C-alpha atoms as a PDB file:
ATOM      1  CA  UNK A   1      46.751   7.622  38.600  1.00  0.00           C
ATOM      2  CA  UNK A   2      46.519   5.510  35.450  1.00  0.00           C
ATOM      3  CA  UNK A   3      47.714   6.583  32.016  1.00  0.00           C
ATOM      4  CA  UNK A   4      46.396   5.666  28.592  1.00  0.00           C
ATOM      5  CA  UNK A   5      47.545   6.472  25.074  1.00  0.00           C
ATOM      6  CA  UNK A   6      44.945   6.512  22.327  1.00  0.00           C
ATOM      7  CA  UNK A   7      44.829   7.356  18.634  1.00  0.00           C
ATOM      8  CA  UNK A   8      41.873   8.881  16.810  1.00  0.00           C
ATOM      9  CA  UNK A   9      40.645   6.553  14.040  1.00  0.00           C
ATOM     10  CA  UNK A  10      39.250   7.826  10.757  1.00  0.00           C
ATOM     11  CA  UNK A  11      35.659   7.075  11.838  1.00  0.00           C
ATOM     12  CA  UNK A  12      35.878   9.667  14.651  1.00  0.00           C
ATOM     13  CA  UNK A  13      37.514  12.409  12.575  1.00  0.00           C
ATOM     14  CA  UNK A  14      35.769  15.760  12.997  1.00  0.00           C
ATOM     15  CA  UNK A  15      33.980  14.865  16.211  1.00  0.00           C
ATOM     16  CA  UNK A  16      34.182  16.923  19.401  1.00  0.00           C
ATOM     17  CA  UNK A  17      37.122  15.908  21.568  1.00  0.00           C
ATOM     18  CA  UNK A  18      34.970  14.949  24.575  1.00  0.00           C
ATOM     19  CA  UNK A  19      32.696  12.776  22.421  1.00  0.00           C
ATOM     20  CA  UNK A  20      35.505  11.065  20.507  1.00  0.00           C
ATOM     21  CA  UNK A  21      37.600  10.351  23.593  1.00  0.00           C
ATOM     22  CA  UNK A  22      34.662   9.032  25.632  1.00  0.00           C
ATOM     23  CA  UNK A  23      33.864   6.690  22.716  1.00  0.00           C
ATOM     24  CA  UNK A  24      37.448   5.433  22.660  1.00  0.00           C
ATOM     25  CA  UNK A  25      37.436   4.890  26.419  1.00  0.00           C
ATOM     26  CA  UNK A  26      34.244   2.876  26.179  1.00  0.00           C
ATOM     27  CA  UNK A  27      32.746   2.118  29.594  1.00  0.00           C
ATOM     28  CA  UNK A  28      35.613   3.506  31.621  1.00  0.00           C
ATOM     29  CA  UNK A  29      34.550   7.144  31.895  1.00  0.00           C
ATOM     30  CA  UNK A  30      31.373   9.092  31.180  1.00  0.00           C
ATOM     31  CA  UNK A  31      31.422  12.023  28.765  1.00  0.00           C
ATOM     32  CA  UNK A  32      31.113  14.450  31.694  1.00  0.00           C
ATOM     33  CA  UNK A  33      34.142  12.878  33.359  1.00  0.00           C
ATOM     34  CA  UNK A  34      36.085  13.184  30.097  1.00  0.00           C
ATOM     35  CA  UNK A  35      35.101  16.856  29.910  1.00  0.00           C
ATOM     36  CA  UNK A  36      36.376  17.449  33.444  1.00  0.00           C
ATOM     37  CA  UNK A  37      39.687  15.727  32.676  1.00  0.00           C
ATOM     38  CA  UNK A  38      40.113  17.826  29.516  1.00  0.00           C
ATOM     39  CA  UNK A  39      39.463  21.020  31.450  1.00  0.00           C
ATOM     40  CA  UNK A  40      41.916  20.020  34.188  1.00  0.00           C
ATOM     41  CA  UNK A  41      44.666  19.247  31.654  1.00  0.00           C
ATOM     42  CA  UNK A  42      44.652  15.513  32.382  1.00  0.00           C
ATOM     43  CA  UNK A  43      43.820  14.800  28.744  1.00  0.00           C
ATOM     44  CA  UNK A  44      46.147  16.107  26.036  1.00  0.00           C
ATOM     45  CA  UNK A  45      45.874  15.992  22.247  1.00  0.00           C
ATOM     46  CA  UNK A  46      49.238  15.846  20.488  1.00  0.00           C
ATOM     47  CA  UNK A  47      50.882  16.888  23.781  1.00  0.00           C
ATOM     48  CA  UNK A  48      48.796  20.060  23.969  1.00  0.00           C
ATOM     49  CA  UNK A  49      45.857  21.085  26.130  1.00  0.00           C
ATOM     50  CA  UNK A  50      42.505  21.237  24.381  1.00  0.00           C
ATOM     51  CA  UNK A  51      38.880  22.152  24.947  1.00  0.00           C
ATOM     52  CA  UNK A  52      35.963  19.673  25.051  1.00  0.00           C
ATOM     53  CA  UNK A  53      34.444  21.266  21.936  1.00  0.00           C
ATOM     54  CA  UNK A  54      37.645  21.106  19.848  1.00  0.00           C
ATOM     55  CA  UNK A  55      37.366  18.879  16.790  1.00  0.00           C
ATOM     56  CA  UNK A  56      39.733  15.914  16.530  1.00  0.00           C
ATOM     57  CA  UNK A  57      41.638  14.771  13.444  1.00  0.00           C
ATOM     58  CA  UNK A  58      42.527  11.344  12.134  1.00  0.00           C
ATOM     59  CA  UNK A  59      45.680   9.998  13.861  1.00  0.00           C
ATOM     60  CA  UNK A  60      45.620  12.584  16.665  1.00  0.00           C
ATOM     61  CA  UNK A  61      47.546  11.221  19.664  1.00  0.00           C
ATOM     62  CA  UNK A  62      45.615  11.302  22.928  1.00  0.00           C
ATOM     63  CA  UNK A  63      47.249  11.110  26.365  1.00  0.00           C
ATOM     64  CA  UNK A  64      44.822  10.375  29.198  1.00  0.00           C
ATOM     65  CA  UNK A  65      45.661  10.523  32.906  1.00  0.00           C
ATOM     66  CA  UNK A  66      42.866   8.999  34.988  1.00  0.00           C
ATOM     67  CA  UNK A  67      42.826   9.688  38.750  1.00  0.00           C
ATOM     68  CA  UNK A  68      41.957   6.550  40.671  1.00  0.00           C
ATOM     69  CA  UNK A  69      38.893   8.243  42.169  1.00  0.00           C
ATOM     70  CA  UNK A  70      37.448   8.793  38.711  1.00  0.00           C
ATOM     71  CA  UNK A  71      37.229   5.133  37.750  1.00  0.00           C
ATOM     72  CA  UNK A  72      33.625   3.954  37.960  1.00  0.00           C
ATOM     73  CA  UNK A  73      32.448   0.365  38.030  1.00  0.00           C
ATOM     74  CA  UNK A  74      30.463  -0.716  34.993  1.00  0.00           C
ATOM     75  CA  UNK A  75      30.621  -4.352  36.096  1.00  0.00           C
ATOM     76  CA  UNK A  76      27.646  -6.686  36.458  1.00  0.00           C
ATOM     77  CA  UNK A  77      25.392  -6.359  39.504  1.00  0.00           C
ATOM     78  CA  UNK A  78      22.234  -8.200  40.441  1.00  0.00           C
ATOM     79  CA  UNK A  79      19.577  -5.489  40.047  1.00  0.00           C
ATOM     80  CA  UNK A  80      15.918  -6.267  39.439  1.00  0.00           C
ATOM     81  CA  UNK A  81      14.926  -4.834  36.044  1.00  0.00           C
ATOM     82  CA  UNK A  82      11.567  -4.805  34.265  1.00  0.00           C
ATOM     83  CA  UNK A  83      12.353  -6.169  30.774  1.00  0.00           C
ATOM     84  CA  UNK A  84       9.566  -5.300  28.330  1.00  0.00           C
ATOM     85  CA  UNK A  85      11.142  -7.044  25.337  1.00  0.00           C
ATOM     86  CA  UNK A  86      14.445  -8.606  24.312  1.00  0.00           C
ATOM     87  CA  UNK A  87      15.947  -9.946  21.109  1.00  0.00           C
ATOM     88  CA  UNK A  88      19.477 -10.665  19.937  1.00  0.00           C
ATOM     89  CA  UNK A  89      20.048  -7.012  18.972  1.00  0.00           C
ATOM     90  CA  UNK A  90      18.524  -5.069  21.855  1.00  0.00           C
ATOM     91  CA  UNK A  91      16.457  -5.059  25.020  1.00  0.00           C
ATOM     92  CA  UNK A  92      13.702  -2.661  26.128  1.00  0.00           C
ATOM     93  CA  UNK A  93      13.810  -1.833  29.844  1.00  0.00           C
ATOM     94  CA  UNK A  94      11.055  -0.112  31.810  1.00  0.00           C
ATOM     95  CA  UNK A  95      13.241   1.969  34.142  1.00  0.00           C
ATOM     96  CA  UNK A  96      11.784   2.750  37.567  1.00  0.00           C
ATOM     97  CA  UNK A  97      12.049   6.184  39.117  1.00  0.00           C
ATOM     98  CA  UNK A  98      15.070   6.486  41.385  1.00  0.00           C
ATOM     99  CA  UNK A  99      17.400   4.327  39.300  1.00  0.00           C
ATOM    100  CA  UNK A 100      20.447   6.097  37.842  1.00  0.00           C
ATOM    101  CA  UNK A 101      21.252   5.223  34.232  1.00  0.00           C
ATOM    102  CA  UNK A 102      25.003   4.623  34.538  1.00  0.00           C
ATOM    103  CA  UNK A 103      27.972   5.199  36.854  1.00  0.00           C
ATOM    104  CA  UNK A 104      29.286   8.737  37.023  1.00  0.00           C
ATOM    105  CA  UNK A 105      30.117  11.531  39.415  1.00  0.00           C
ATOM    106  CA  UNK A 106      28.956  10.511  42.886  1.00  0.00           C
ATOM    107  CA  UNK A 107      27.447   7.216  41.690  1.00  0.00           C
ATOM    108  CA  UNK A 108      29.941   4.411  41.148  1.00  0.00           C
ATOM    109  CA  UNK A 109      27.621   1.411  41.018  1.00  0.00           C
ATOM    110  CA  UNK A 110      24.053   0.207  41.480  1.00  0.00           C
ATOM    111  CA  UNK A 111      22.874   1.652  38.169  1.00  0.00           C
ATOM    112  CA  UNK A 112      20.837   0.463  35.204  1.00  0.00           C
ATOM    113  CA  UNK A 113      24.093  -0.172  33.323  1.00  0.00           C
ATOM    114  CA  UNK A 114      25.284  -2.483  36.084  1.00  0.00           C
ATOM    115  CA  UNK A 115      22.007  -4.398  36.113  1.00  0.00           C
ATOM    116  CA  UNK A 116      21.955  -4.779  32.338  1.00  0.00           C
ATOM    117  CA  UNK A 117      25.492  -6.223  32.410  1.00  0.00           C
ATOM    118  CA  UNK A 118      24.331  -8.966  34.778  1.00  0.00           C
ATOM    119  CA  UNK A 119      21.464 -10.018  32.508  1.00  0.00           C
ATOM    120  CA  UNK A 120      23.292  -9.475  29.195  1.00  0.00           C
ATOM    121  CA  UNK A 121      27.057  -9.927  29.781  1.00  0.00           C
ATOM    122  CA  UNK A 122      27.801  -9.194  26.117  1.00  0.00           C
ATOM    123  CA  UNK A 123      27.119  -5.472  26.699  1.00  0.00           C
ATOM    124  CA  UNK A 124      30.336  -5.220  28.694  1.00  0.00           C
ATOM    125  CA  UNK A 125      32.195  -5.194  25.379  1.00  0.00           C
ATOM    126  CA  UNK A 126      30.149  -2.211  24.148  1.00  0.00           C
ATOM    127  CA  UNK A 127      30.669   1.483  24.916  1.00  0.00           C
ATOM    128  CA  UNK A 128      28.600   2.479  27.972  1.00  0.00           C
ATOM    129  CA  UNK A 129      27.181  -1.052  28.275  1.00  0.00           C
ATOM    130  CA  UNK A 130      24.998  -0.491  25.203  1.00  0.00           C
ATOM    131  CA  UNK A 131      23.299   2.649  26.520  1.00  0.00           C
ATOM    132  CA  UNK A 132      22.701   5.216  23.763  1.00  0.00           C
ATOM    133  CA  UNK A 133      20.149   7.540  25.428  1.00  0.00           C
ATOM    134  CA  UNK A 134      19.129   8.377  28.957  1.00  0.00           C
ATOM    135  CA  UNK A 135      16.332   9.272  31.332  1.00  0.00           C
ATOM    136  CA  UNK A 136      16.744  11.420  34.430  1.00  0.00           C
ATOM    137  CA  UNK A 137      17.119   9.477  37.664  1.00  0.00           C
ATOM    138  CA  UNK A 138      13.582  10.302  38.824  1.00  0.00           C
ATOM    139  CA  UNK A 139      11.907   9.899  35.424  1.00  0.00           C
ATOM    140  CA  UNK A 140      10.448   6.451  34.812  1.00  0.00           C
ATOM    141  CA  UNK A 141       9.901   4.722  31.513  1.00  0.00           C
ATOM    142  CA  UNK A 142      11.278   3.002  28.439  1.00  0.00           C
ATOM    143  CA  UNK A 143      14.955   2.718  27.539  1.00  0.00           C
ATOM    144  CA  UNK A 144      16.503   0.754  24.665  1.00  0.00           C
ATOM    145  CA  UNK A 145      19.774  -1.093  25.361  1.00  0.00           C
ATOM    146  CA  UNK A 146      21.924  -2.291  22.450  1.00  0.00           C
ATOM    147  CA  UNK A 147      23.283  -5.842  22.769  1.00  0.00           C
ATOM    148  CA  UNK A 148      25.419  -5.801  19.612  1.00  0.00           C
ATOM    149  CA  UNK A 149      27.784  -3.140  18.383  1.00  0.00           C
ATOM    150  CA  UNK A 150      26.208  -3.120  14.917  1.00  0.00           C
ATOM    151  CA  UNK A 151      22.797  -2.365  16.351  1.00  0.00           C
ATOM    152  CA  UNK A 152      24.291   0.177  18.744  1.00  0.00           C
ATOM    153  CA  UNK A 153      25.602   2.157  15.781  1.00  0.00           C
ATOM    154  CA  UNK A 154      22.259   1.693  13.996  1.00  0.00           C
ATOM    155  CA  UNK A 155      20.137   3.042  16.865  1.00  0.00           C
ATOM    156  CA  UNK A 156      22.626   5.783  17.791  1.00  0.00           C
ATOM    157  CA  UNK A 157      22.385   7.125  14.241  1.00  0.00           C
ATOM    158  CA  UNK A 158      18.592   7.190  14.517  1.00  0.00           C
ATOM    159  CA  UNK A 159      18.798   9.215  17.726  1.00  0.00           C
ATOM    160  CA  UNK A 160      21.265  11.580  16.083  1.00  0.00           C
ATOM    161  CA  UNK A 161      19.004  12.010  13.039  1.00  0.00           C
ATOM    162  CA  UNK A 162      15.880  12.483  15.210  1.00  0.00           C
ATOM    163  CA  UNK A 163      14.234   9.390  13.776  1.00  0.00           C
ATOM    164  CA  UNK A 164      13.369   7.815  17.129  1.00  0.00           C
ATOM    165  CA  UNK A 165       9.884   8.643  18.421  1.00  0.00           C
ATOM    166  CA  UNK A 166       9.909   9.429  22.144  1.00  0.00           C
ATOM    167  CA  UNK A 167       6.679  10.263  23.957  1.00  0.00           C
ATOM    168  CA  UNK A 168       6.114  11.027  27.624  1.00  0.00           C
ATOM    169  CA  UNK A 169       3.184  11.470  29.981  1.00  0.00           C
ATOM    170  CA  UNK A 170       3.386  14.278  32.533  1.00  0.00           C
ATOM    171  CA  UNK A 171       1.089  15.546  35.274  1.00  0.00           C
ATOM    172  CA  UNK A 172       1.297  19.325  35.366  1.00  0.00           C
ATOM    173  CA  UNK A 173      -0.064  22.361  37.125  1.00  0.00           C
ATOM    174  CA  UNK A 174      -2.344  24.369  34.827  1.00  0.00           C
ATOM    175  CA  UNK A 175      -3.688  23.534  31.402  1.00  0.00           C
ATOM    176  CA  UNK A 176      -2.503  23.352  27.815  1.00  0.00           C
ATOM    177  CA  UNK A 177      -5.241  24.188  25.332  1.00  0.00           C
ATOM    178  CA  UNK A 178      -5.151  21.658  22.509  1.00  0.00           C
ATOM    179  CA  UNK A 179      -1.574  21.281  21.278  1.00  0.00           C
ATOM    180  CA  UNK A 180       1.450  23.440  21.991  1.00  0.00           C
ATOM    181  CA  UNK A 181       4.903  23.498  20.407  1.00  0.00           C
ATOM    182  CA  UNK A 182       7.643  24.817  22.674  1.00  0.00           C
ATOM    183  CA  UNK A 183      10.646  25.817  20.561  1.00  0.00           C
ATOM    184  CA  UNK A 184      13.120  27.323  23.010  1.00  0.00           C
ATOM    185  CA  UNK A 185      16.898  26.715  23.121  1.00  0.00           C
ATOM    186  CA  UNK A 186      18.327  25.226  26.318  1.00  0.00           C
ATOM    187  CA  UNK A 187      21.705  25.802  27.965  1.00  0.00           C
ATOM    188  CA  UNK A 188      23.441  24.988  31.226  1.00  0.00           C
ATOM    189  CA  UNK A 189      22.479  27.397  34.022  1.00  0.00           C
ATOM    190  CA  UNK A 190      25.665  29.292  34.849  1.00  0.00           C
ATOM    191  CA  UNK A 191      24.401  30.075  38.345  1.00  0.00           C
ATOM    192  CA  UNK A 192      23.601  26.439  39.121  1.00  0.00           C
ATOM    193  CA  UNK A 193      25.570  23.915  37.067  1.00  0.00           C
ATOM    194  CA  UNK A 194      23.217  21.059  38.005  1.00  0.00           C
ATOM    195  CA  UNK A 195      20.326  22.774  36.216  1.00  0.00           C
ATOM    196  CA  UNK A 196      19.423  23.800  32.693  1.00  0.00           C
ATOM    197  CA  UNK A 197      17.494  26.850  31.519  1.00  0.00           C
ATOM    198  CA  UNK A 198      15.924  28.418  28.456  1.00  0.00           C
ATOM    199  CA  UNK A 199      18.681  30.537  26.915  1.00  0.00           C
ATOM    200  CA  UNK A 200      18.941  32.035  23.432  1.00  0.00           C
ATOM    201  CA  UNK A 201      22.623  31.066  23.365  1.00  0.00           C
ATOM    202  CA  UNK A 202      21.756  27.404  24.034  1.00  0.00           C
ATOM    203  CA  UNK A 203      21.155  24.428  21.778  1.00  0.00           C
ATOM    204  CA  UNK A 204      17.954  23.979  19.801  1.00  0.00           C
ATOM    205  CA  UNK A 205      15.225  22.207  21.768  1.00  0.00           C
ATOM    206  CA  UNK A 206      11.702  21.415  20.534  1.00  0.00           C
ATOM    207  CA  UNK A 207       8.889  19.817  22.539  1.00  0.00           C
ATOM    208  CA  UNK A 208       5.286  19.227  21.481  1.00  0.00           C
ATOM    209  CA  UNK A 209       2.678  18.979  24.249  1.00  0.00           C
ATOM    210  CA  UNK A 210      -0.907  17.767  23.846  1.00  0.00           C
ATOM    211  CA  UNK A 211      -3.555  17.971  26.559  1.00  0.00           C
ATOM    212  CA  UNK A 212      -5.113  14.591  27.385  1.00  0.00           C
ATOM    213  CA  UNK A 213      -7.205  15.417  30.444  1.00  0.00           C
ATOM    214  CA  UNK A 214      -7.720  18.339  32.816  1.00  0.00           C
ATOM    215  CA  UNK A 215      -9.209  18.468  36.286  1.00  0.00           C
ATOM    216  CA  UNK A 216      -9.411  21.358  38.731  1.00  0.00           C
ATOM    217  CA  UNK A 217      -6.370  23.326  37.603  1.00  0.00           C
ATOM    218  CA  UNK A 218      -4.156  20.312  36.882  1.00  0.00           C
ATOM    219  CA  UNK A 219      -3.683  18.273  33.710  1.00  0.00           C
ATOM    220  CA  UNK A 220      -2.242  15.152  32.141  1.00  0.00           C
ATOM    221  CA  UNK A 221      -0.322  15.922  28.964  1.00  0.00           C
ATOM    222  CA  UNK A 222       1.502  13.914  26.340  1.00  0.00           C
ATOM    223  CA  UNK A 223       4.873  15.349  25.344  1.00  0.00           C
ATOM    224  CA  UNK A 224       6.815  14.404  22.240  1.00  0.00           C
ATOM    225  CA  UNK A 225      10.401  15.597  22.021  1.00  0.00           C
ATOM    226  CA  UNK A 226      12.142  16.188  18.716  1.00  0.00           C
ATOM    227  CA  UNK A 227      15.471  16.891  20.401  1.00  0.00           C
ATOM    228  CA  UNK A 228      17.017  15.244  23.448  1.00  0.00           C
ATOM    229  CA  UNK A 229      18.459  17.964  25.646  1.00  0.00           C
ATOM    230  CA  UNK A 230      19.152  17.445  29.337  1.00  0.00           C
ATOM    231  CA  UNK A 231      15.989  18.080  31.406  1.00  0.00           C
ATOM    232  CA  UNK A 232      14.273  19.307  28.218  1.00  0.00           C
ATOM    233  CA  UNK A 233      10.642  18.523  29.080  1.00  0.00           C
ATOM    234  CA  UNK A 234      11.002  19.766  32.645  1.00  0.00           C
ATOM    235  CA  UNK A 235      12.603  23.040  31.549  1.00  0.00           C
ATOM    236  CA  UNK A 236      10.146  23.632  28.707  1.00  0.00           C
ATOM    237  CA  UNK A 237       7.010  22.977  30.754  1.00  0.00           C
ATOM    238  CA  UNK A 238       8.318  25.134  33.584  1.00  0.00           C
ATOM    239  CA  UNK A 239       9.055  27.973  31.141  1.00  0.00           C
ATOM    240  CA  UNK A 240       5.434  27.683  29.976  1.00  0.00           C
ATOM    241  CA  UNK A 241       4.295  28.156  33.599  1.00  0.00           C
ATOM    242  CA  UNK A 242       2.897  24.608  33.571  1.00  0.00           C
ATOM    243  CA  UNK A 243       5.499  22.841  35.751  1.00  0.00           C
ATOM    244  CA  UNK A 244       5.486  19.110  36.356  1.00  0.00           C
ATOM    245  CA  UNK A 245       4.146  18.094  39.748  1.00  0.00           C
ATOM    246  CA  UNK A 246       6.916  16.908  42.053  1.00  0.00           C
ATOM    247  CA  UNK A 247       9.716  18.577  40.098  1.00  0.00           C
ATOM    248  CA  UNK A 248      11.892  19.949  42.887  1.00  0.00           C
ATOM    249  CA  UNK A 249      14.379  21.578  40.514  1.00  0.00           C
ATOM    250  CA  UNK A 250      12.030  23.341  38.110  1.00  0.00           C
ATOM    251  CA  UNK A 251       8.627  23.388  39.775  1.00  0.00           C
ATOM    252  CA  UNK A 252       8.975  23.805  43.533  1.00  0.00           C
ATOM    253  CA  UNK A 253       7.248  26.868  44.906  1.00  0.00           C
ATOM    254  CA  UNK A 254       4.785  27.001  42.013  1.00  0.00           C
ATOM    255  CA  UNK A 255       2.964  23.692  42.368  1.00  0.00           C
ATOM    256  CA  UNK A 256      -0.226  24.920  44.038  1.00  0.00           C
ATOM    257  CA  UNK A 257      -3.250  26.656  42.576  1.00  0.00           C
ATOM    258  CA  UNK A 258      -5.547  28.835  44.689  1.00  0.00           C
ATOM    259  CA  UNK A 259      -8.124  27.530  47.145  1.00  0.00           C
ATOM    260  CA  UNK A 260      -6.863  23.950  47.380  1.00  0.00           C
ATOM    261  CA  UNK A 261      -7.967  21.683  50.198  1.00  0.00           C
ATOM    262  CA  UNK A 262      -5.338  20.597  52.714  1.00  0.00           C
ATOM    263  CA  UNK A 263      -5.521  17.040  51.350  1.00  0.00           C
ATOM    264  CA  UNK A 264      -4.695  18.209  47.825  1.00  0.00           C
ATOM    265  CA  UNK A 265      -1.909  20.470  49.042  1.00  0.00           C
ATOM    266  CA  UNK A 266      -0.331  17.613  50.982  1.00  0.00           C
ATOM    267  CA  UNK A 267      -0.636  15.184  48.051  1.00  0.00           C
ATOM    268  CA  UNK A 268       0.930  17.566  45.552  1.00  0.00           C
ATOM    269  CA  UNK A 269       3.709  18.887  47.772  1.00  0.00           C
ATOM    270  CA  UNK A 270       4.642  15.406  49.034  1.00  0.00           C
ATOM    271  CA  UNK A 271       4.859  13.773  45.600  1.00  0.00           C
ATOM    272  CA  UNK A 272       8.443  12.487  45.736  1.00  0.00           C
ATOM    273  CA  UNK A 273       9.625  12.952  42.135  1.00  0.00           C
ATOM    274  CA  UNK A 274       8.724  14.634  38.869  1.00  0.00           C
ATOM    275  CA  UNK A 275       5.499  13.052  37.588  1.00  0.00           C
ATOM    276  CA  UNK A 276       7.051  12.211  34.226  1.00  0.00           C
ATOM    277  CA  UNK A 277       7.006   8.833  32.471  1.00  0.00           C
ATOM    278  CA  UNK A 278       8.529   7.846  29.103  1.00  0.00           C
ATOM    279  CA  UNK A 279       5.634   5.715  27.886  1.00  0.00           C
ATOM    280  CA  UNK A 280       6.364   5.232  24.157  1.00  0.00           C
ATOM    281  CA  UNK A 281       9.507   4.425  22.162  1.00  0.00           C
ATOM    282  CA  UNK A 282       9.525   3.693  18.433  1.00  0.00           C
ATOM    283  CA  UNK A 283      12.503   3.065  16.140  1.00  0.00           C
ATOM    284  CA  UNK A 284      13.710   1.015  13.181  1.00  0.00           C
ATOM    285  CA  UNK A 285      15.177  -2.382  14.051  1.00  0.00           C
ATOM    286  CA  UNK A 286      18.156  -3.946  12.274  1.00  0.00           C
ATOM    287  CA  UNK A 287      15.867  -4.989   9.394  1.00  0.00           C
ATOM    288  CA  UNK A 288      14.570  -1.409   9.115  1.00  0.00           C
ATOM    289  CA  UNK A 289      11.147  -2.454  10.370  1.00  0.00           C
ATOM    290  CA  UNK A 290       9.481   0.069  12.672  1.00  0.00           C
ATOM    291  CA  UNK A 291       9.105  -1.293  16.206  1.00  0.00           C
ATOM    292  CA  UNK A 292       6.929   0.406  18.821  1.00  0.00           C
ATOM    293  CA  UNK A 293       6.953  -0.200  22.573  1.00  0.00           C
ATOM    294  CA  UNK A 294       4.692   1.249  25.270  1.00  0.00           C
ATOM    295  CA  UNK A 295       4.428   1.055  29.040  1.00  0.00           C
ATOM    296  CA  UNK A 296       1.745   2.260  31.414  1.00  0.00           C
ATOM    297  CA  UNK A 297       2.655   4.874  34.022  1.00  0.00           C
ATOM    298  CA  UNK A 298       3.709   3.371  37.356  1.00  0.00           C
ATOM    299  CA  UNK A 299       1.431   3.249  40.378  1.00  0.00           C
ATOM    300  CA  UNK A 300       2.659   6.501  41.913  1.00  0.00           C
ATOM    301  CA  UNK A 301       1.657   8.562  38.853  1.00  0.00           C
ATOM    302  CA  UNK A 302      -1.611   6.650  38.361  1.00  0.00           C
ATOM    303  CA  UNK A 303      -2.449   7.215  42.036  1.00  0.00           C
ATOM    304  CA  UNK A 304      -1.702  10.928  41.718  1.00  0.00           C
ATOM    305  CA  UNK A 305      -3.985  11.233  38.682  1.00  0.00           C
ATOM    306  CA  UNK A 306      -6.840   9.401  40.417  1.00  0.00           C
ATOM    307  CA  UNK A 307      -6.443  11.555  43.538  1.00  0.00           C
ATOM    308  CA  UNK A 308      -6.579  14.762  41.477  1.00  0.00           C
ATOM    309  CA  UNK A 309      -9.655  13.513  39.623  1.00  0.00           C
ATOM    310  CA  UNK A 310     -11.550  12.560  42.740  1.00  0.00           C
ATOM    311  CA  UNK A 311     -10.662  15.776  44.548  1.00  0.00           C
ATOM    312  CA  UNK A 312     -10.896  18.267  41.677  1.00  0.00           C
ATOM    313  CA  UNK A 313     -13.720  20.208  43.339  1.00  0.00           C
ATOM    314  CA  UNK A 314     -12.257  20.031  46.829  1.00  0.00           C
END
């Protein structure tokens, strides 16, 4: 067990306890780990137990007890990363499916954060190795990594103010006619804490879906998210009864339409991950110039689309 004493600076006044403390701890613990330590009483504010949602005050005294098993490694590791663009302020990474964003519960190393630290050692001095947003493990696509603390604050504020444009491509069961706005709040599923669900008591979540192409009961759609809730696109499309192909958490059991050939059934049911790719990212750089980055879907999604097209009447 290791112990740390921290003090809340003026800049973090009024923030949630779990957010403020995870910021102070930098790369040492994820926000979820901080939450767990608060709930277990291993983090105290002014010698008293608190809740993750409690607001902190300037000069609050924080006592943190970190079990040895909770310490993750954010150190540099040699991991092959697809770098779309890099400048002094940031780098754009095309994350492959299967790569976890950062160390956390059950994953102590071998993550995007570890790989970034090898290529850009300066991120080790930044909270969470410069990561300010995330993609699910099995979602591929674009991620921005801050290389300087000034830019990290700049881009984090844009995410907070919903100024960053994030667009995804998804292959779904069913069709969306024209454009569809899904405005449904999302909360943690109390029956299964690894999942999210549409819940009126949850946080605001807005997704906009546009149909790009349809073939034989399946479609390719573009999804723009205005908010950034956990599993947002997957939950929203599932709630619309247009689940993403390959989504084992939110789409299994409802992936097949009627009268499919055996080949199509096998292709759809064997697709190994949610067919979701973050293909566009646009934000203001340090000079307040809009920068836009795009990446094509990886081969697995392109192959799925071509298979559905060529077998749409099968």
